[in-house]
PDB file of N, CA and C in Angstrom:
ATOM      1  N   MET A   1     -77.957  55.196  -2.220  1.00  0.00           N
ATOM      2  CA  MET A   1     -78.771  55.606  -1.046  1.00  0.00           C
ATOM      3  C   MET A   1     -80.067  55.591  -1.396  1.00  0.00           C
ATOM      4  N   ALA A   2     -80.646  55.518  -0.248  1.00  0.00           N
ATOM      5  CA  ALA A   2     -82.315  55.242  -0.207  1.00  0.00           C
ATOM      6  C   ALA A   2     -82.833  55.832   0.991  1.00  0.00           C
ATOM      7  N   GLN A   3     -84.059  56.595   0.870  1.00  0.00           N
ATOM      8  CA  GLN A   3     -84.689  57.201   2.080  1.00  0.00           C
ATOM      9  C   GLN A   3     -85.914  56.754   2.075  1.00  0.00           C
ATOM     10  N   SER A   4     -86.544  56.466   3.255  1.00  0.00           N
ATOM     11  CA  SER A   4     -88.101  56.148   3.426  1.00  0.00           C
ATOM     12  C   SER A   4     -88.355  57.159   4.565  1.00  0.00           C
ATOM     13  N   GLU A   5     -89.731  57.805   4.490  1.00  0.00           N
ATOM     14  CA  GLU A   5     -90.376  58.574   5.121  1.00  0.00           C
ATOM     15  C   GLU A   5     -91.597  57.900   5.709  1.00  0.00           C
ATOM     16  N   ILE A   6     -91.801  57.396   6.794  1.00  0.00           N
ATOM     17  CA  ILE A   6     -93.000  56.473   7.347  1.00  0.00           C
ATOM     18  C   ILE A   6     -93.713  57.324   8.305  1.00  0.00           C
ATOM     19  N   MET A   7     -94.980  57.402   7.848  1.00  0.00           N
ATOM     20  CA  MET A   7     -96.084  57.995   8.801  1.00  0.00           C
ATOM     21  C   MET A   7     -96.753  56.867   9.473  1.00  0.00           C
ATOM     22  N   SER A   8     -96.717  56.625  10.607  1.00  0.00           N
ATOM     23  CA  SER A   8     -97.210  55.426  11.185  1.00  0.00           C
ATOM     24  C   SER A   8     -98.586  55.319  11.186  1.00  0.00           C
ATOM     25  N   GLY A   9     -99.254  56.172  11.221  1.00  0.00           N
ATOM     26  CA  GLY A   9    -100.893  56.137  11.253  1.00  0.00           C
ATOM     27  C   GLY A   9    -101.417  56.724  12.560  1.00  0.00           C
ATOM     28  N   ALA A  10    -102.249  56.055  13.237  1.00  0.00           N
ATOM     29  CA  ALA A  10    -103.031  56.724  14.356  1.00  0.00           C
ATOM     30  C   ALA A  10    -102.181  57.108  15.481  1.00  0.00           C
ATOM     31  N   CYS A  11    -100.962  56.829  15.735  1.00  0.00           N
ATOM     32  CA  CYS A  11     -99.977  57.032  16.792  1.00  0.00           C
ATOM     33  C   CYS A  11     -99.505  58.617  16.420  1.00  0.00           C
ATOM     34  N   GLY A  12     -99.541  58.913  15.162  1.00  0.00           N
ATOM     35  CA  GLY A  12     -99.147  60.404  14.815  1.00  0.00           C
ATOM     36  C   GLY A  12     -97.531  60.512  14.594  1.00  0.00           C
ATOM     37  N   MET A  13     -96.914  59.184  14.891  1.00  0.00           N
ATOM     38  CA  MET A  13     -95.476  59.386  14.894  1.00  0.00           C
ATOM     39  C   MET A  13     -94.802  59.208  13.381  1.00  0.00           C
ATOM     40  N   THR A  14     -93.811  59.902  13.227  1.00  0.00           N
ATOM     41  CA  THR A  14     -93.106  59.880  11.961  1.00  0.00           C
ATOM     42  C   THR A  14     -91.664  59.473  12.036  1.00  0.00           C
ATOM     43  N   THR A  15     -91.284  58.740  11.014  1.00  0.00           N
ATOM     44  CA  THR A  15     -89.837  58.370  11.029  1.00  0.00           C
ATOM     45  C   THR A  15     -89.042  58.493   9.546  1.00  0.00           C
ATOM     46  N   LYS A  16     -87.902  58.867   9.778  1.00  0.00           N
ATOM     47  CA  LYS A  16     -87.074  59.187   8.403  1.00  0.00           C
ATOM     48  C   LYS A  16     -85.861  58.228   8.415  1.00  0.00           C
ATOM     49  N   VAL A  17     -85.801  57.441   7.540  1.00  0.00           N
ATOM     50  CA  VAL A  17     -84.547  56.446   7.372  1.00  0.00           C
ATOM     51  C   VAL A  17     -83.795  56.986   6.096  1.00  0.00           C
ATOM     52  N   THR A  18     -82.439  56.969   6.418  1.00  0.00           N
ATOM     53  CA  THR A  18     -81.545  57.056   5.247  1.00  0.00           C
ATOM     54  C   THR A  18     -80.727  55.645   5.329  1.00  0.00           C
ATOM     55  N   ALA A  19     -80.613  54.808   4.065  1.00  0.00           N
ATOM     56  CA  ALA A  19     -79.692  53.815   3.955  1.00  0.00           C
ATOM     57  C   ALA A  19     -78.823  53.935   2.872  1.00  0.00           C
ATOM     58  N   THR A  20     -77.432  53.692   3.371  1.00  0.00           N
ATOM     59  CA  THR A  20     -76.529  53.864   2.370  1.00  0.00           C
ATOM     60  C   THR A  20     -75.546  52.610   2.538  1.00  0.00           C
ATOM     61  N   MET A  21     -75.270  52.148   1.142  1.00  0.00           N
ATOM     62  CA  MET A  21     -74.500  51.056   1.127  1.00  0.00           C
ATOM     63  C   MET A  21     -72.974  51.497   1.119  1.00  0.00           C
ATOM     64  N   GLU A  22     -72.413  50.809   2.077  1.00  0.00           N
ATOM     65  CA  GLU A  22     -70.705  50.832   2.080  1.00  0.00           C
ATOM     66  C   GLU A  22     -70.011  49.482   2.038  1.00  0.00           C
ATOM     67  N   GLY A  23     -69.626  49.293   0.980  1.00  0.00           N
ATOM     68  CA  GLY A  23     -69.110  47.882   0.626  1.00  0.00           C
ATOM     69  C   GLY A  23     -70.520  46.915   0.574  1.00  0.00           C
ATOM     70  N   LYS A  24     -70.409  45.757   1.494  1.00  0.00           N
ATOM     71  CA  LYS A  24     -71.446  44.754   1.699  1.00  0.00           C
ATOM     72  C   LYS A  24     -72.403  45.166   2.649  1.00  0.00           C
ATOM     73  N   VAL A  25     -72.229  46.029   3.507  1.00  0.00           N
ATOM     74  CA  VAL A  25     -73.152  46.528   4.483  1.00  0.00           C
ATOM     75  C   VAL A  25     -73.860  47.698   4.190  1.00  0.00           C
ATOM     76  N   CYS A  26     -75.063  47.927   4.866  1.00  0.00           N
ATOM     77  CA  CYS A  26     -75.909  49.016   4.539  1.00  0.00           C
ATOM     78  C   CYS A  26     -75.814  49.678   5.967  1.00  0.00           C
ATOM     79  N   ARG A  27     -75.457  51.176   5.937  1.00  0.00           N
ATOM     80  CA  ARG A  27     -75.423  51.864   7.180  1.00  0.00           C
ATOM     81  C   ARG A  27     -76.770  52.612   7.215  1.00  0.00           C
ATOM     82  N   LEU A  28     -77.245  52.764   8.430  1.00  0.00           N
ATOM     83  CA  LEU A  28     -78.705  53.280   8.619  1.00  0.00           C
ATOM     84  C   LEU A  28     -78.709  54.468   9.528  1.00  0.00           C
ATOM     85  N   GLU A  29     -79.190  55.557   9.212  1.00  0.00           N
ATOM     86  CA  GLU A  29     -79.450  56.725   9.967  1.00  0.00           C
ATOM     87  C   GLU A  29     -81.171  56.783   9.954  1.00  0.00           C
ATOM     88  N   ILE A  30     -81.564  56.669  11.424  1.00  0.00           N
ATOM     89  CA  ILE A  30     -83.035  56.643  11.688  1.00  0.00           C
ATOM     90  C   ILE A  30     -83.224  57.870  12.556  1.00  0.00           C
ATOM     91  N   GLU A  31     -84.307  58.730  12.228  1.00  0.00           N
ATOM     92  CA  GLU A  31     -84.702  59.724  12.959  1.00  0.00           C
ATOM     93  C   GLU A  31     -86.102  59.354  13.231  1.00  0.00           C
ATOM     94  N   SER A  32     -86.577  59.646  14.455  1.00  0.00           N
ATOM     95  CA  SER A  32     -87.935  59.256  14.649  1.00  0.00           C
ATOM     96  C   SER A  32     -88.441  59.970  15.858  1.00  0.00           C
ATOM     97  N   SER A  33     -89.695  60.303  16.051  1.00  0.00           N
ATOM     98  CA  SER A  33     -90.448  60.925  17.162  1.00  0.00           C
ATOM     99  C   SER A  33     -90.895  59.742  18.115  1.00  0.00           C
ATOM    100  N   CYS A  34     -90.745  58.551  17.791  1.00  0.00           N
ATOM    101  CA  CYS A  34     -91.187  57.450  18.560  1.00  0.00           C
ATOM    102  C   CYS A  34     -89.856  56.722  19.285  1.00  0.00           C
ATOM    103  N   LYS A  35     -90.213  56.793  20.839  1.00  0.00           N
ATOM    104  CA  LYS A  35     -88.981  56.359  21.567  1.00  0.00           C
ATOM    105  C   LYS A  35     -88.731  55.037  21.295  1.00  0.00           C
ATOM    106  N   ALA A  36     -89.613  54.150  20.929  1.00  0.00           N
ATOM    107  CA  ALA A  36     -89.202  52.689  20.625  1.00  0.00           C
ATOM    108  C   ALA A  36     -88.442  52.600  19.498  1.00  0.00           C
ATOM    109  N   ILE A  37     -88.742  53.426  18.399  1.00  0.00           N
ATOM    110  CA  ILE A  37     -87.993  53.309  17.063  1.00  0.00           C
ATOM    111  C   ILE A  37     -86.733  53.987  17.487  1.00  0.00           C
ATOM    112  N   GLN A  38     -86.676  54.910  18.250  1.00  0.00           N
ATOM    113  CA  GLN A  38     -85.227  55.574  18.672  1.00  0.00           C
ATOM    114  C   GLN A  38     -84.351  54.409  19.257  1.00  0.00           C
ATOM    115  N   ALA A  39     -84.999  53.502  19.961  1.00  0.00           N
ATOM    116  CA  ALA A  39     -84.193  52.427  20.380  1.00  0.00           C
ATOM    117  C   ALA A  39     -83.598  51.456  19.561  1.00  0.00           C
ATOM    118  N   ILE A  40     -84.614  51.211  18.425  1.00  0.00           N
ATOM    119  CA  ILE A  40     -84.061  50.388  17.321  1.00  0.00           C
ATOM    120  C   ILE A  40     -82.934  51.053  16.740  1.00  0.00           C
ATOM    121  N   ALA A  41     -82.934  52.269  16.427  1.00  0.00           N
ATOM    122  CA  ALA A  41     -82.029  53.004  15.698  1.00  0.00           C
ATOM    123  C   ALA A  41     -80.756  52.890  16.543  1.00  0.00           C
ATOM    124  N   ALA A  42     -80.714  52.946  17.933  1.00  0.00           N
ATOM    125  CA  ALA A  42     -79.673  52.909  18.728  1.00  0.00           C
ATOM    126  C   ALA A  42     -78.802  51.670  18.514  1.00  0.00           C
ATOM    127  N   GLU A  43     -79.779  50.643  18.259  1.00  0.00           N
ATOM    128  CA  GLU A  43     -78.884  49.202  18.195  1.00  0.00           C
ATOM    129  C   GLU A  43     -78.571  48.706  16.510  1.00  0.00           C
ATOM    130  N   LEU A  44     -79.223  49.484  15.676  1.00  0.00           N
ATOM    131  CA  LEU A  44     -79.096  49.061  14.278  1.00  0.00           C
ATOM    132  C   LEU A  44     -78.167  49.898  13.462  1.00  0.00           C
ATOM    133  N   GLY A  45     -76.905  50.091  13.767  1.00  0.00           N
ATOM    134  CA  GLY A  45     -76.016  51.252  12.846  1.00  0.00           C
ATOM    135  C   GLY A  45     -76.046  50.682  11.498  1.00  0.00           C
ATOM    136  N   GLU A  46     -75.845  49.355  11.423  1.00  0.00           N
ATOM    137  CA  GLU A  46     -75.583  48.659   9.928  1.00  0.00           C
ATOM    138  C   GLU A  46     -76.186  47.294   9.878  1.00  0.00           C
ATOM    139  N   VAL A  47     -76.581  46.973   8.745  1.00  0.00           N
ATOM    140  CA  VAL A  47     -77.026  45.546   8.562  1.00  0.00           C
ATOM    141  C   VAL A  47     -76.518  44.960   7.154  1.00  0.00           C
ATOM    142  N   ASP A  48     -76.512  43.580   7.134  1.00  0.00           N
ATOM    143  CA  ASP A  48     -76.176  43.064   5.904  1.00  0.00           C
ATOM    144  C   ASP A  48     -77.469  42.887   5.117  1.00  0.00           C
ATOM    145  N   PRO A  49     -77.661  43.497   3.881  1.00  0.00           N
ATOM    146  CA  PRO A  49     -78.906  43.472   3.226  1.00  0.00           C
ATOM    147  C   PRO A  49     -79.410  42.010   2.668  1.00  0.00           C
ATOM    148  N   TYR A  50     -78.439  41.327   2.359  1.00  0.00           N
ATOM    149  CA  TYR A  50     -78.776  39.848   2.030  1.00  0.00           C
ATOM    150  C   TYR A  50     -79.421  39.082   3.216  1.00  0.00           C
ATOM    151  N   ARG A  51     -79.083  39.290   4.334  1.00  0.00           N
ATOM    152  CA  ARG A  51     -79.607  38.444   5.366  1.00  0.00           C
ATOM    153  C   ARG A  51     -81.145  39.168   5.794  1.00  0.00           C
ATOM    154  N   GLU A  52     -81.228  40.411   5.437  1.00  0.00           N
ATOM    155  CA  GLU A  52     -82.389  41.000   5.739  1.00  0.00           C
ATOM    156  C   GLU A  52     -83.705  40.740   4.934  1.00  0.00           C
ATOM    157  N   ILE A  53     -83.230  40.275   3.613  1.00  0.00           N
ATOM    158  CA  ILE A  53     -84.249  40.204   2.549  1.00  0.00           C
ATOM    159  C   ILE A  53     -85.066  38.776   2.586  1.00  0.00           C
ATOM    160  N   SER A  54     -84.698  38.027   3.436  1.00  0.00           N
ATOM    161  CA  SER A  54     -85.341  36.471   3.524  1.00  0.00           C
ATOM    162  C   SER A  54     -85.280  36.123   4.893  1.00  0.00           C
ATOM    163  N   PHE A  55     -86.311  35.081   5.268  1.00  0.00           N
ATOM    164  CA  PHE A  55     -86.492  34.380   6.385  1.00  0.00           C
ATOM    165  C   PHE A  55     -85.575  33.203   6.580  1.00  0.00           C
ATOM    166  N   ARG A  56     -85.010  32.884   5.367  1.00  0.00           N
ATOM    167  CA  ARG A  56     -84.280  31.549   5.428  1.00  0.00           C
ATOM    168  C   ARG A  56     -83.234  31.445   6.425  1.00  0.00           C
ATOM    169  N   GLN A  57     -82.574  32.555   6.732  1.00  0.00           N
ATOM    170  CA  GLN A  57     -81.465  32.364   7.692  1.00  0.00           C
ATOM    171  C   GLN A  57     -81.973  32.963   8.969  1.00  0.00           C
ATOM    172  N   GLY A  58     -83.068  32.663   9.355  1.00  0.00           N
ATOM    173  CA  GLY A  58     -83.718  33.247  10.701  1.00  0.00           C
ATOM    174  C   GLY A  58     -84.405  34.539  10.415  1.00  0.00           C
ATOM    175  N   LEU A  59     -84.793  35.131  11.640  1.00  0.00           N
ATOM    176  CA  LEU A  59     -85.598  36.412  11.412  1.00  0.00           C
ATOM    177  C   LEU A  59     -84.545  37.512  11.202  1.00  0.00           C
ATOM    178  N   PRO A  60     -84.997  38.479  10.093  1.00  0.00           N
ATOM    179  CA  PRO A  60     -84.082  39.407   9.742  1.00  0.00           C
ATOM    180  C   PRO A  60     -83.798  40.469  11.109  1.00  0.00           C
ATOM    181  N   ARG A  61     -82.560  40.875  11.124  1.00  0.00           N
ATOM    182  CA  ARG A  61     -82.258  41.790  12.230  1.00  0.00           C
ATOM    183  C   ARG A  61     -83.289  43.080  12.560  1.00  0.00           C
ATOM    184  N   ILE A  62     -83.607  43.448  11.457  1.00  0.00           N
ATOM    185  CA  ILE A  62     -84.561  44.725  11.530  1.00  0.00           C
ATOM    186  C   ILE A  62     -85.618  44.125  12.144  1.00  0.00           C
ATOM    187  N   LEU A  63     -86.412  43.011  11.682  1.00  0.00           N
ATOM    188  CA  LEU A  63     -87.531  42.631  12.539  1.00  0.00           C
ATOM    189  C   LEU A  63     -87.352  42.066  13.913  1.00  0.00           C
ATOM    190  N   GLU A  64     -86.046  41.597  14.160  1.00  0.00           N
ATOM    191  CA  GLU A  64     -85.814  41.197  15.572  1.00  0.00           C
ATOM    192  C   GLU A  64     -85.883  42.501  16.448  1.00  0.00           C
ATOM    193  N   MET A  65     -85.349  43.537  16.019  1.00  0.00           N
ATOM    194  CA  MET A  65     -85.373  44.942  16.733  1.00  0.00           C
ATOM    195  C   MET A  65     -86.766  45.214  16.808  1.00  0.00           C
ATOM    196  N   GLY A  66     -87.450  45.417  15.847  1.00  0.00           N
ATOM    197  CA  GLY A  66     -89.044  45.595  15.996  1.00  0.00           C
ATOM    198  C   GLY A  66     -89.612  44.716  17.035  1.00  0.00           C
ATOM    199  N   HIS A  67     -89.482  43.576  16.991  1.00  0.00           N
ATOM    200  CA  HIS A  67     -90.048  42.503  17.972  1.00  0.00           C
ATOM    201  C   HIS A  67     -89.604  42.951  19.476  1.00  0.00           C
ATOM    202  N   LYS A  68     -88.173  43.394  19.654  1.00  0.00           N
ATOM    203  CA  LYS A  68     -87.881  43.720  20.845  1.00  0.00           C
ATOM    204  C   LYS A  68     -88.128  45.132  21.387  1.00  0.00           C
ATOM    205  N   HIS A  69     -88.337  46.056  20.518  1.00  0.00           N
ATOM    206  CA  HIS A  69     -88.647  47.329  21.067  1.00  0.00           C
ATOM    207  C   HIS A  69     -89.976  47.920  20.731  1.00  0.00           C
ATOM    208  N   CYS A  70     -90.801  47.508  19.609  1.00  0.00           N
ATOM    209  CA  CYS A  70     -91.959  48.145  19.292  1.00  0.00           C
ATOM    210  C   CYS A  70     -93.146  47.484  20.124  1.00  0.00           C
ATOM    211  N   PHE A  71     -94.087  48.159  20.688  1.00  0.00           N
ATOM    212  CA  PHE A  71     -95.075  47.626  21.346  1.00  0.00           C
ATOM    213  C   PHE A  71     -96.419  47.293  20.605  1.00  0.00           C
ATOM    214  N   HIS A  72     -96.534  47.829  19.374  1.00  0.00           N
ATOM    215  CA  HIS A  72     -97.541  47.715  18.400  1.00  0.00           C
ATOM    216  C   HIS A  72     -97.229  46.693  17.325  1.00  0.00           C
ATOM    217  N   THR A  73     -97.769  45.514  17.349  1.00  0.00           N
ATOM    218  CA  THR A  73     -97.275  44.530  16.305  1.00  0.00           C
ATOM    219  C   THR A  73     -97.546  44.979  14.838  1.00  0.00           C
ATOM    220  N   ALA A  74     -98.595  45.956  14.663  1.00  0.00           N
ATOM    221  CA  ALA A  74     -98.659  46.342  13.407  1.00  0.00           C
ATOM    222  C   ALA A  74     -98.080  47.721  12.985  1.00  0.00           C
ATOM    223  N   CYS A  75     -97.113  48.002  13.705  1.00  0.00           N
ATOM    224  CA  CYS A  75     -96.051  49.111  13.514  1.00  0.00           C
ATOM    225  C   CYS A  75     -95.510  48.965  11.938  1.00  0.00           C
ATOM    226  N   PRO A  76     -95.702  50.000  10.935  1.00  0.00           N
ATOM    227  CA  PRO A  76     -95.024  49.700   9.731  1.00  0.00           C
ATOM    228  C   PRO A  76     -93.585  50.201   9.653  1.00  0.00           C
ATOM    229  N   VAL A  77     -93.023  50.643  10.686  1.00  0.00           N
ATOM    230  CA  VAL A  77     -91.659  51.227  10.711  1.00  0.00           C
ATOM    231  C   VAL A  77     -90.755  50.345  10.438  1.00  0.00           C
ATOM    232  N   PRO A  78     -90.540  49.106  11.203  1.00  0.00           N
ATOM    233  CA  PRO A  78     -89.518  47.961  10.822  1.00  0.00           C
ATOM    234  C   PRO A  78     -89.583  47.760   9.220  1.00  0.00           C
ATOM    235  N   VAL A  79     -90.611  47.552   8.605  1.00  0.00           N
ATOM    236  CA  VAL A  79     -90.792  47.253   7.190  1.00  0.00           C
ATOM    237  C   VAL A  79     -90.311  48.321   6.431  1.00  0.00           C
ATOM    238  N   GLY A  80     -90.628  49.653   6.834  1.00  0.00           N
ATOM    239  CA  GLY A  80     -90.099  50.700   5.923  1.00  0.00           C
ATOM    240  C   GLY A  80     -88.752  50.819   5.850  1.00  0.00           C
ATOM    241  N   ILE A  81     -87.961  50.309   7.331  1.00  0.00           N
ATOM    242  CA  ILE A  81     -86.631  50.475   7.407  1.00  0.00           C
ATOM    243  C   ILE A  81     -86.146  49.297   6.304  1.00  0.00           C
ATOM    244  N   LEU A  82     -86.710  48.271   6.295  1.00  0.00           N
ATOM    245  CA  LEU A  82     -86.377  47.098   5.374  1.00  0.00           C
ATOM    246  C   LEU A  82     -86.413  47.561   3.844  1.00  0.00           C
ATOM    247  N   LYS A  83     -87.476  48.201   3.574  1.00  0.00           N
ATOM    248  CA  LYS A  83     -87.630  48.645   2.254  1.00  0.00           C
ATOM    249  C   LYS A  83     -86.420  49.680   1.682  1.00  0.00           C
ATOM    250  N   ALA A  84     -86.022  50.725   2.652  1.00  0.00           N
ATOM    251  CA  ALA A  84     -84.971  51.361   2.523  1.00  0.00           C
ATOM    252  C   ALA A  84     -83.547  50.642   2.311  1.00  0.00           C
ATOM    253  N   VAL A  85     -83.407  49.717   2.926  1.00  0.00           N
ATOM    254  CA  VAL A  85     -82.221  48.743   3.024  1.00  0.00           C
ATOM    255  C   VAL A  85     -82.237  48.144   1.528  1.00  0.00           C
ATOM    256  N   GLU A  86     -83.469  47.558   1.282  1.00  0.00           N
ATOM    257  CA  GLU A  86     -83.515  46.798  -0.070  1.00  0.00           C
ATOM    258  C   GLU A  86     -83.228  47.660  -1.227  1.00  0.00           C
ATOM    259  N   VAL A  87     -83.825  48.955  -1.376  1.00  0.00           N
ATOM    260  CA  VAL A  87     -83.655  49.785  -2.506  1.00  0.00           C
ATOM    261  C   VAL A  87     -81.971  50.263  -2.305  1.00  0.00           C
ATOM    262  N   ALA A  88     -81.535  50.581  -1.416  1.00  0.00           N
ATOM    263  CA  ALA A  88     -80.129  50.945  -1.298  1.00  0.00           C
ATOM    264  C   ALA A  88     -79.135  50.032  -1.651  1.00  0.00           C
ATOM    265  N   ALA A  89     -79.545  48.801  -1.515  1.00  0.00           N
ATOM    266  CA  ALA A  89     -78.652  47.711  -1.735  1.00  0.00           C
ATOM    267  C   ALA A  89     -79.050  47.214  -3.348  1.00  0.00           C
ATOM    268  N   GLY A  90     -79.974  47.821  -4.139  1.00  0.00           N
ATOM    269  CA  GLY A  90     -80.244  47.541  -5.356  1.00  0.00           C
ATOM    270  C   GLY A  90     -81.072  46.099  -5.620  1.00  0.00           C
ATOM    271  N   LEU A  91     -81.849  45.686  -4.315  1.00  0.00           N
ATOM    272  CA  LEU A  91     -82.522  44.417  -4.274  1.00  0.00           C
ATOM    273  C   LEU A  91     -83.975  44.794  -4.584  1.00  0.00           C
ATOM    274  N   ASN A  92     -84.346  45.865  -4.638  1.00  0.00           N
ATOM    275  CA  ASN A  92     -85.816  46.225  -4.847  1.00  0.00           C
ATOM    276  C   ASN A  92     -86.026  47.484  -5.537  1.00  0.00           C
ATOM    277  N   LEU A  93     -87.176  47.836  -6.136  1.00  0.00           N
ATOM    278  CA  LEU A  93     -87.311  49.095  -6.772  1.00  0.00           C
ATOM    279  C   LEU A  93     -88.061  50.125  -5.756  1.00  0.00           C
ATOM    280  N   PRO A  94     -87.732  51.400  -5.811  1.00  0.00           N
ATOM    281  CA  PRO A  94     -88.161  52.332  -5.048  1.00  0.00           C
ATOM    282  C   PRO A  94     -89.710  52.606  -5.220  1.00  0.00           C
ATOM    283  N   LYS A  95     -90.499  51.817  -4.838  1.00  0.00           N
ATOM    284  CA  LYS A  95     -92.017  51.781  -4.973  1.00  0.00           C
ATOM    285  C   LYS A  95     -92.522  51.886  -3.433  1.00  0.00           C
ATOM    286  N   ASP A  96     -93.452  52.910  -3.344  1.00  0.00           N
ATOM    287  CA  ASP A  96     -94.252  52.908  -2.058  1.00  0.00           C
ATOM    288  C   ASP A  96     -94.911  51.789  -1.880  1.00  0.00           C
ATOM    289  N   PRO A  97     -94.790  51.085  -0.619  1.00  0.00           N
ATOM    290  CA  PRO A  97     -95.840  50.225  -0.074  1.00  0.00           C
ATOM    291  C   PRO A  97     -97.069  50.966   0.228  1.00  0.00           C
ATOM    292  N   VAL A  98     -98.375  50.546   0.044  1.00  0.00           N
ATOM    293  CA  VAL A  98     -99.435  51.141   0.657  1.00  0.00           C
ATOM    294  C   VAL A  98    -100.371  50.198   1.454  1.00  0.00           C
ATOM    295  N   ILE A  99    -100.859  50.576   2.520  1.00  0.00           N
ATOM    296  CA  ILE A  99    -101.887  50.038   3.178  1.00  0.00           C
ATOM    297  C   ILE A  99    -102.980  50.926   3.583  1.00  0.00           C
ATOM    298  N   LYS A 100    -104.136  50.676   2.895  1.00  0.00           N
ATOM    299  CA  LYS A 100    -105.289  51.397   3.269  1.00  0.00           C
ATOM    300  C   LYS A 100    -106.223  50.810   3.950  1.00  0.00           C
ATOM    301  N   VAL A 101    -106.652  51.305   5.230  1.00  0.00           N
ATOM    302  CA  VAL A 101    -107.617  50.704   5.991  1.00  0.00           C
ATOM    303  C   VAL A 101    -108.920  51.659   6.370  1.00  0.00           C
ATOM    304  N   SER A 102    -109.922  50.915   6.066  1.00  0.00           N
ATOM    305  CA  SER A 102    -111.205  51.660   6.265  1.00  0.00           C
ATOM    306  C   SER A 102    -112.274  50.919   7.191  1.00  0.00           C
ATOM    307  N   ARG A 103    -113.218  51.522   7.407  1.00  0.00           N
ATOM    308  CA  ARG A 103    -114.413  51.096   8.152  1.00  0.00           C
ATOM    309  C   ARG A 103    -115.657  51.319   7.609  1.00  0.00           C
TER     310      ARG A 103
END
């Protein structure tokens, strides 16, 4: 199991993701204060982690849902969901990605 807590930035929305492997699929529980992310959660009950980690088989399903439901292209939540899936599947280490923006 892996968890991600995503603070999206200027919008002030937060999302909590729990990713749990069951056989070859990763089950997702997503709680968010954002309606767009709630719509993603409603469509994404489970994913195939090996399809999610590469663009070689087309756009990963998590990013497809981000494209479909998120209004802001720089929303970090779809990537945060992907990170939880990778860690739950043993395909990546549980390290925090960091984006620092300044002016």
